[in-house]
PDB file of N, CA and C in Angstrom:
ATOM      1  N   MET A   1      -5.913 -30.034   0.570  1.00  0.00           N
ATOM      2  CA  MET A   1      -4.660 -29.625   0.643  1.00  0.00           C
ATOM      3  C   MET A   1      -4.365 -27.816   1.113  1.00  0.00           C
ATOM      4  N   SER A   2      -3.723 -27.931   1.915  1.00  0.00           N
ATOM      5  CA  SER A   2      -4.036 -26.748   2.674  1.00  0.00           C
ATOM      6  C   SER A   2      -2.309 -25.642   2.729  1.00  0.00           C
ATOM      7  N   THR A   3      -1.509 -26.501   2.237  1.00  0.00           N
ATOM      8  CA  THR A   3      -0.484 -26.185   2.444  1.00  0.00           C
ATOM      9  C   THR A   3       0.083 -26.012   0.600  1.00  0.00           C
ATOM     10  N   VAL A   4       1.165 -24.734   0.443  1.00  0.00           N
ATOM     11  CA  VAL A   4       1.821 -24.609  -0.488  1.00  0.00           C
ATOM     12  C   VAL A   4       2.734 -26.165  -0.919  1.00  0.00           C
ATOM     13  N   THR A   5       2.931 -26.999  -0.108  1.00  0.00           N
ATOM     14  CA  THR A   5       3.992 -27.856  -0.414  1.00  0.00           C
ATOM     15  C   THR A   5       3.075 -29.453  -1.073  1.00  0.00           C
ATOM     16  N   GLU A   6       1.628 -29.518  -0.378  1.00  0.00           N
ATOM     17  CA  GLU A   6       1.019 -30.156  -0.811  1.00  0.00           C
ATOM     18  C   GLU A   6       0.142 -29.921  -2.290  1.00  0.00           C
ATOM     19  N   ILE A   7      -0.048 -28.418  -2.478  1.00  0.00           N
ATOM     20  CA  ILE A   7      -0.438 -27.972  -3.778  1.00  0.00           C
ATOM     21  C   ILE A   7       0.591 -28.384  -4.984  1.00  0.00           C
ATOM     22  N   GLU A   8       1.948 -28.128  -4.823  1.00  0.00           N
ATOM     23  CA  GLU A   8       3.211 -28.222  -5.640  1.00  0.00           C
ATOM     24  C   GLU A   8       3.397 -29.795  -5.880  1.00  0.00           C
ATOM     25  N   THR A   9       3.023 -30.809  -4.575  1.00  0.00           N
ATOM     26  CA  THR A   9       3.192 -32.082  -4.890  1.00  0.00           C
ATOM     27  C   THR A   9       2.326 -32.889  -5.758  1.00  0.00           C
ATOM     28  N   ALA A  10       0.681 -32.289  -5.753  1.00  0.00           N
ATOM     29  CA  ALA A  10      -0.167 -32.373  -6.117  1.00  0.00           C
ATOM     30  C   ALA A  10      -0.364 -32.155  -7.924  1.00  0.00           C
ATOM     31  N   LEU A  11       0.417 -31.345  -8.206  1.00  0.00           N
ATOM     32  CA  LEU A  11       0.689 -30.602  -9.411  1.00  0.00           C
ATOM     33  C   LEU A  11       1.330 -31.597 -10.266  1.00  0.00           C
ATOM     34  N   LYS A  12       2.765 -31.724  -9.587  1.00  0.00           N
ATOM     35  CA  LYS A  12       3.580 -32.832  -9.990  1.00  0.00           C
ATOM     36  C   LYS A  12       2.870 -33.789 -10.745  1.00  0.00           C
ATOM     37  N   GLU A  13       1.962 -34.365 -10.221  1.00  0.00           N
ATOM     38  CA  GLU A  13       1.591 -35.985 -10.325  1.00  0.00           C
ATOM     39  C   GLU A  13       0.598 -35.577 -11.697  1.00  0.00           C
ATOM     40  N   LEU A  14       0.212 -34.496 -11.849  1.00  0.00           N
ATOM     41  CA  LEU A  14      -1.368 -34.268 -12.789  1.00  0.00           C
ATOM     42  C   LEU A  14      -0.238 -34.211 -14.167  1.00  0.00           C
ATOM     43  N   PRO A  15      -0.914 -35.123 -15.308  1.00  0.00           N
ATOM     44  CA  PRO A  15      -0.760 -34.984 -16.679  1.00  0.00           C
ATOM     45  C   PRO A  15      -0.210 -33.507 -17.130  1.00  0.00           C
ATOM     46  N   LEU A  16       0.277 -33.366 -18.146  1.00  0.00           N
ATOM     47  CA  LEU A  16       0.982 -32.134 -18.592  1.00  0.00           C
ATOM     48  C   LEU A  16      -0.038 -31.217 -19.298  1.00  0.00           C
ATOM     49  N   GLU A  17      -0.629 -31.638 -19.916  1.00  0.00           N
ATOM     50  CA  GLU A  17      -2.082 -31.177 -20.401  1.00  0.00           C
ATOM     51  C   GLU A  17      -3.117 -30.400 -19.521  1.00  0.00           C
ATOM     52  N   GLU A  18      -3.358 -31.347 -18.162  1.00  0.00           N
ATOM     53  CA  GLU A  18      -4.474 -30.855 -17.078  1.00  0.00           C
ATOM     54  C   GLU A  18      -3.335 -29.825 -16.604  1.00  0.00           C
ATOM     55  N   ALA A  19      -2.429 -29.829 -15.876  1.00  0.00           N
ATOM     56  CA  ALA A  19      -1.419 -28.728 -15.698  1.00  0.00           C
ATOM     57  C   ALA A  19      -1.233 -27.397 -16.458  1.00  0.00           C
ATOM     58  N   GLN A  20      -1.479 -27.866 -17.639  1.00  0.00           N
ATOM     59  CA  GLN A  20      -1.385 -25.997 -18.277  1.00  0.00           C
ATOM     60  C   GLN A  20      -2.861 -26.182 -18.142  1.00  0.00           C
ATOM     61  N   ARG A  21      -3.500 -26.740 -18.429  1.00  0.00           N
ATOM     62  CA  ARG A  21      -4.931 -25.772 -18.224  1.00  0.00           C
ATOM     63  C   ARG A  21      -5.214 -25.339 -17.065  1.00  0.00           C
ATOM     64  N   LEU A  22      -5.034 -26.117 -15.922  1.00  0.00           N
ATOM     65  CA  LEU A  22      -4.779 -25.666 -14.635  1.00  0.00           C
ATOM     66  C   LEU A  22      -4.276 -24.268 -15.092  1.00  0.00           C
ATOM     67  N   ALA A  23      -2.661 -24.204 -15.375  1.00  0.00           N
ATOM     68  CA  ALA A  23      -2.197 -22.982 -15.189  1.00  0.00           C
ATOM     69  C   ALA A  23      -2.503 -21.671 -16.536  1.00  0.00           C
ATOM     70  N   ARG A  24      -3.283 -22.107 -17.375  1.00  0.00           N
ATOM     71  CA  ARG A  24      -3.646 -21.042 -17.708  1.00  0.00           C
ATOM     72  C   ARG A  24      -5.112 -20.388 -17.449  1.00  0.00           C
ATOM     73  N   TRP A  25      -5.941 -21.313 -16.326  1.00  0.00           N
ATOM     74  CA  TRP A  25      -7.304 -21.089 -15.637  1.00  0.00           C
ATOM     75  C   TRP A  25      -6.216 -19.894 -14.325  1.00  0.00           C
ATOM     76  N   LEU A  26      -5.087 -20.469 -13.469  1.00  0.00           N
ATOM     77  CA  LEU A  26      -4.795 -19.451 -12.587  1.00  0.00           C
ATOM     78  C   LEU A  26      -3.951 -18.323 -13.262  1.00  0.00           C
ATOM     79  N   GLN A  27      -3.305 -17.816 -14.404  1.00  0.00           N
ATOM     80  CA  GLN A  27      -3.685 -16.897 -15.024  1.00  0.00           C
ATOM     81  C   GLN A  27      -4.486 -16.486 -15.231  1.00  0.00           C
ATOM     82  N   LYS A  28      -5.553 -16.643 -15.711  1.00  0.00           N
ATOM     83  CA  LYS A  28      -6.458 -15.750 -16.073  1.00  0.00           C
ATOM     84  C   LYS A  28      -7.235 -15.115 -14.839  1.00  0.00           C
ATOM     85  N   TYR A  29      -7.366 -15.813 -13.946  1.00  0.00           N
ATOM     86  CA  TYR A  29      -7.645 -15.864 -12.312  1.00  0.00           C
ATOM     87  C   TYR A  29      -6.869 -14.595 -11.559  1.00  0.00           C
ATOM     88  N   LEU A  30      -5.509 -14.651 -11.920  1.00  0.00           N
ATOM     89  CA  LEU A  30      -4.738 -13.422 -11.532  1.00  0.00           C
ATOM     90  C   LEU A  30      -4.976 -12.331 -12.015  1.00  0.00           C
ATOM     91  N   ASP A  31      -4.874 -12.320 -13.344  1.00  0.00           N
ATOM     92  CA  ASP A  31      -5.208 -10.906 -14.267  1.00  0.00           C
ATOM     93  C   ASP A  31      -6.165 -10.284 -13.935  1.00  0.00           C
ATOM     94  N   ARG A  32      -7.454 -11.332 -13.363  1.00  0.00           N
ATOM     95  CA  ARG A  32      -8.922 -10.590 -13.499  1.00  0.00           C
ATOM     96  C   ARG A  32      -8.541  -9.761 -11.911  1.00  0.00           C
ATOM     97  N   ARG A  33      -8.134 -10.565 -10.721  1.00  0.00           N
ATOM     98  CA  ARG A  33      -7.885 -10.120  -9.924  1.00  0.00           C
ATOM     99  C   ARG A  33      -7.208  -8.717  -9.218  1.00  0.00           C
ATOM    100  N   THR A  34      -5.767  -8.547 -10.388  1.00  0.00           N
ATOM    101  CA  THR A  34      -4.837  -7.822 -10.653  1.00  0.00           C
ATOM    102  C   THR A  34      -5.648  -6.276 -10.941  1.00  0.00           C
ATOM    103  N   ALA A  35      -6.439  -6.521 -12.107  1.00  0.00           N
ATOM    104  CA  ALA A  35      -7.196  -5.713 -12.776  1.00  0.00           C
ATOM    105  C   ALA A  35      -8.554  -5.011 -11.923  1.00  0.00           C
ATOM    106  N   GLY A  36      -8.798  -5.476 -10.906  1.00  0.00           N
ATOM    107  CA  GLY A  36      -9.692  -5.155 -10.118  1.00  0.00           C
ATOM    108  C   GLY A  36      -9.228  -4.366  -8.625  1.00  0.00           C
ATOM    109  N   ASP A  37      -7.698  -4.738  -8.745  1.00  0.00           N
ATOM    110  CA  ASP A  37      -6.899  -3.416  -7.518  1.00  0.00           C
ATOM    111  C   ASP A  37      -6.375  -2.466  -8.246  1.00  0.00           C
ATOM    112  N   SER A  38      -6.528  -2.384  -9.486  1.00  0.00           N
ATOM    113  CA  SER A  38      -5.863  -1.371 -10.152  1.00  0.00           C
ATOM    114  C   SER A  38      -6.567   0.029  -9.607  1.00  0.00           C
ATOM    115  N   THR A  39      -7.939  -0.489  -9.457  1.00  0.00           N
ATOM    116  CA  THR A  39      -8.377   0.661  -9.361  1.00  0.00           C
ATOM    117  C   THR A  39      -8.195   1.164  -8.033  1.00  0.00           C
ATOM    118  N   ARG A  40      -7.294   0.659  -6.625  1.00  0.00           N
ATOM    119  CA  ARG A  40      -7.351   1.092  -5.667  1.00  0.00           C
ATOM    120  C   ARG A  40      -5.768   1.610  -6.182  1.00  0.00           C
ATOM    121  N   ALA A  41      -5.666   2.718  -4.780  1.00  0.00           N
ATOM    122  CA  ALA A  41      -4.609   3.112  -4.727  1.00  0.00           C
ATOM    123  C   ALA A  41      -3.291   1.884  -4.247  1.00  0.00           C
ATOM    124  N   SER A  42      -2.161   2.484  -5.067  1.00  0.00           N
ATOM    125  CA  SER A  42      -0.968   1.393  -4.877  1.00  0.00           C
ATOM    126  C   SER A  42      -0.456   1.961  -3.316  1.00  0.00           C
ATOM    127  N   PRO A  43       0.208   0.355  -2.889  1.00  0.00           N
ATOM    128  CA  PRO A  43       0.394   0.708  -1.576  1.00  0.00           C
ATOM    129  C   PRO A  43       1.044   2.121  -1.020  1.00  0.00           C
ATOM    130  N   GLY A  44       2.032   2.143  -1.701  1.00  0.00           N
ATOM    131  CA  GLY A  44       3.206   2.959  -1.871  1.00  0.00           C
ATOM    132  C   GLY A  44       2.527   4.782  -1.511  1.00  0.00           C
ATOM    133  N   ALA A  45       0.990   4.877  -2.306  1.00  0.00           N
ATOM    134  CA  ALA A  45       0.864   5.943  -2.619  1.00  0.00           C
ATOM    135  C   ALA A  45      -0.387   6.315  -1.325  1.00  0.00           C
ATOM    136  N   ILE A  46      -0.037   7.196  -0.261  1.00  0.00           N
ATOM    137  CA  ILE A  46      -0.871   7.188   0.937  1.00  0.00           C
ATOM    138  C   ILE A  46      -1.279   8.794   0.713  1.00  0.00           C
ATOM    139  N   LYS A  47      -2.701   8.899   0.915  1.00  0.00           N
ATOM    140  CA  LYS A  47      -2.682  10.868   0.540  1.00  0.00           C
ATOM    141  C   LYS A  47      -2.670  11.068   1.962  1.00  0.00           C
ATOM    142  N   LEU A  48      -1.611  11.673   2.595  1.00  0.00           N
ATOM    143  CA  LEU A  48      -1.446  12.654   3.519  1.00  0.00           C
ATOM    144  C   LEU A  48      -2.591  13.588   4.022  1.00  0.00           C
ATOM    145  N   PRO A  49      -2.803  13.821   5.191  1.00  0.00           N
ATOM    146  CA  PRO A  49      -4.205  15.019   5.332  1.00  0.00           C
ATOM    147  C   PRO A  49      -3.614  16.546   5.139  1.00  0.00           C
ATOM    148  N   ASP A  50      -4.216  17.455   4.990  1.00  0.00           N
ATOM    149  CA  ASP A  50      -4.091  19.083   4.656  1.00  0.00           C
ATOM    150  C   ASP A  50      -3.197  19.580   5.729  1.00  0.00           C
ATOM    151  N   TYR A  51      -2.338  19.134   6.580  1.00  0.00           N
ATOM    152  CA  TYR A  51      -2.068  19.997   7.719  1.00  0.00           C
ATOM    153  C   TYR A  51      -2.461  21.597   7.556  1.00  0.00           C
ATOM    154  N   ALA A  52      -1.497  22.346   6.126  1.00  0.00           N
ATOM    155  CA  ALA A  52      -1.937  23.688   6.177  1.00  0.00           C
ATOM    156  C   ALA A  52      -3.410  23.944   6.359  1.00  0.00           C
ATOM    157  N   ALA A  53      -3.817  23.197   5.547  1.00  0.00           N
ATOM    158  CA  ALA A  53      -5.643  23.414   5.440  1.00  0.00           C
ATOM    159  C   ALA A  53      -6.396  23.319   6.683  1.00  0.00           C
ATOM    160  N   ARG A  54      -6.007  22.708   7.737  1.00  0.00           N
ATOM    161  CA  ARG A  54      -6.159  22.318   9.498  1.00  0.00           C
ATOM    162  C   ARG A  54      -5.953  23.207  10.226  1.00  0.00           C
ATOM    163  N   ARG A  55      -4.758  23.818   9.974  1.00  0.00           N
ATOM    164  CA  ARG A  55      -4.540  24.940  10.866  1.00  0.00           C
ATOM    165  C   ARG A  55      -4.705  26.225  10.601  1.00  0.00           C
ATOM    166  N   ARG A  56      -5.058  26.817   9.645  1.00  0.00           N
ATOM    167  CA  ARG A  56      -5.939  27.524   8.737  1.00  0.00           C
ATOM    168  C   ARG A  56      -7.347  27.571   9.489  1.00  0.00           C
ATOM    169  N   MET A  57      -7.893  26.561   9.174  1.00  0.00           N
ATOM    170  CA  MET A  57      -9.235  26.006   9.651  1.00  0.00           C
ATOM    171  C   MET A  57      -9.413  26.328  11.725  1.00  0.00           C
ATOM    172  N   ILE A  58      -8.512  25.976  12.086  1.00  0.00           N
ATOM    173  CA  ILE A  58      -8.326  26.631  13.877  1.00  0.00           C
ATOM    174  C   ILE A  58      -7.639  27.612  13.865  1.00  0.00           C
ATOM    175  N   LEU A  59      -7.192  28.147  13.446  1.00  0.00           N
ATOM    176  CA  LEU A  59      -6.209  29.391  13.467  1.00  0.00           C
ATOM    177  C   LEU A  59      -6.457  30.411  13.067  1.00  0.00           C
ATOM    178  N   GLY A  60      -7.440  30.670  11.800  1.00  0.00           N
ATOM    179  CA  GLY A  60      -7.302  31.350  10.704  1.00  0.00           C
ATOM    180  C   GLY A  60      -5.728  32.001  10.345  1.00  0.00           C
ATOM    181  N   ASP A  61      -5.677  33.301  10.134  1.00  0.00           N
ATOM    182  CA  ASP A  61      -4.302  33.652   9.818  1.00  0.00           C
ATOM    183  C   ASP A  61      -3.733  33.961  11.009  1.00  0.00           C
ATOM    184  N   LYS A  62      -3.797  33.571  11.969  1.00  0.00           N
ATOM    185  CA  LYS A  62      -2.815  34.120  12.853  1.00  0.00           C
ATOM    186  C   LYS A  62      -1.690  33.166  13.023  1.00  0.00           C
ATOM    187  N   VAL A  63      -0.417  34.100  12.843  1.00  0.00           N
ATOM    188  CA  VAL A  63       0.816  33.343  13.267  1.00  0.00           C
ATOM    189  C   VAL A  63       1.618  32.998  14.494  1.00  0.00           C
ATOM    190  N   LEU A  64       1.285  31.898  14.278  1.00  0.00           N
ATOM    191  CA  LEU A  64       2.810  31.412  15.603  1.00  0.00           C
ATOM    192  C   LEU A  64       3.519  31.437  15.948  1.00  0.00           C
ATOM    193  N   PRO A  65       4.103  31.998  16.764  1.00  0.00           N
ATOM    194  CA  PRO A  65       5.403  31.658  16.834  1.00  0.00           C
ATOM    195  C   PRO A  65       6.586  30.408  16.995  1.00  0.00           C
ATOM    196  N   ASN A  66       7.508  30.570  15.922  1.00  0.00           N
ATOM    197  CA  ASN A  66       8.553  29.399  16.166  1.00  0.00           C
ATOM    198  C   ASN A  66       9.001  28.778  17.280  1.00  0.00           C
ATOM    199  N   MET A  67       8.434  28.163  18.289  1.00  0.00           N
ATOM    200  CA  MET A  67       8.919  27.960  19.747  1.00  0.00           C
ATOM    201  C   MET A  67      10.270  27.303  19.450  1.00  0.00           C
ATOM    202  N   VAL A  68      11.108  26.833  18.554  1.00  0.00           N
ATOM    203  CA  VAL A  68      12.276  26.497  18.363  1.00  0.00           C
ATOM    204  C   VAL A  68      12.902  27.302  18.791  1.00  0.00           C
ATOM    205  N   MET A  69      13.105  28.257  17.369  1.00  0.00           N
ATOM    206  CA  MET A  69      13.751  29.802  17.138  1.00  0.00           C
ATOM    207  C   MET A  69      13.919  30.561  18.765  1.00  0.00           C
ATOM    208  N   LEU A  70      12.505  30.511  18.903  1.00  0.00           N
ATOM    209  CA  LEU A  70      12.839  31.585  20.197  1.00  0.00           C
ATOM    210  C   LEU A  70      13.263  31.005  21.691  1.00  0.00           C
ATOM    211  N   GLY A  71      13.424  29.505  21.398  1.00  0.00           N
ATOM    212  CA  GLY A  71      14.162  28.986  22.477  1.00  0.00           C
ATOM    213  C   GLY A  71      16.012  28.928  22.507  1.00  0.00           C
ATOM    214  N   ARG A  72      16.451  28.575  21.179  1.00  0.00           N
ATOM    215  CA  ARG A  72      17.570  28.970  20.826  1.00  0.00           C
ATOM    216  C   ARG A  72      18.137  30.191  20.981  1.00  0.00           C
ATOM    217  N   GLU A  73      17.199  31.358  20.820  1.00  0.00           N
ATOM    218  CA  GLU A  73      17.652  32.845  20.730  1.00  0.00           C
ATOM    219  C   GLU A  73      17.964  32.870  22.281  1.00  0.00           C
ATOM    220  N   GLN A  74      17.152  32.139  23.233  1.00  0.00           N
ATOM    221  CA  GLN A  74      17.258  32.107  24.817  1.00  0.00           C
ATOM    222  C   GLN A  74      18.734  31.499  25.753  1.00  0.00           C
ATOM    223  N   GLU A  75      19.073  30.777  24.976  1.00  0.00           N
ATOM    224  CA  GLU A  75      20.484  29.344  25.348  1.00  0.00           C
ATOM    225  C   GLU A  75      21.364  30.150  25.323  1.00  0.00           C
ATOM    226  N   ARG A  76      22.805  29.786  26.022  1.00  0.00           N
ATOM    227  CA  ARG A  76      23.647  30.052  25.810  1.00  0.00           C
ATOM    228  C   ARG A  76      25.004  28.825  24.989  1.00  0.00           C
ATOM    229  N   TRP A  77      25.267  29.723  23.741  1.00  0.00           N
ATOM    230  CA  TRP A  77      26.342  28.749  23.033  1.00  0.00           C
ATOM    231  C   TRP A  77      27.503  28.725  23.646  1.00  0.00           C
TER     232      TRP A  77
END
């Protein structure tokens, strides 16, 4: 059995008691798997690097000019 369709077909052929026993086992298995995954960060929670700290580490307290603002000052409107 390698496809979902084959597994579904085999499940439909099982007696009700066996299918229920399999369902209970599968539920316990999934509960254990999800309990182990709860220690990991959720997919939506990505920890971004601290760019401000990196900039301070590289440049110290030096303030760089905003090149966009300087460019806009030089443009003709």
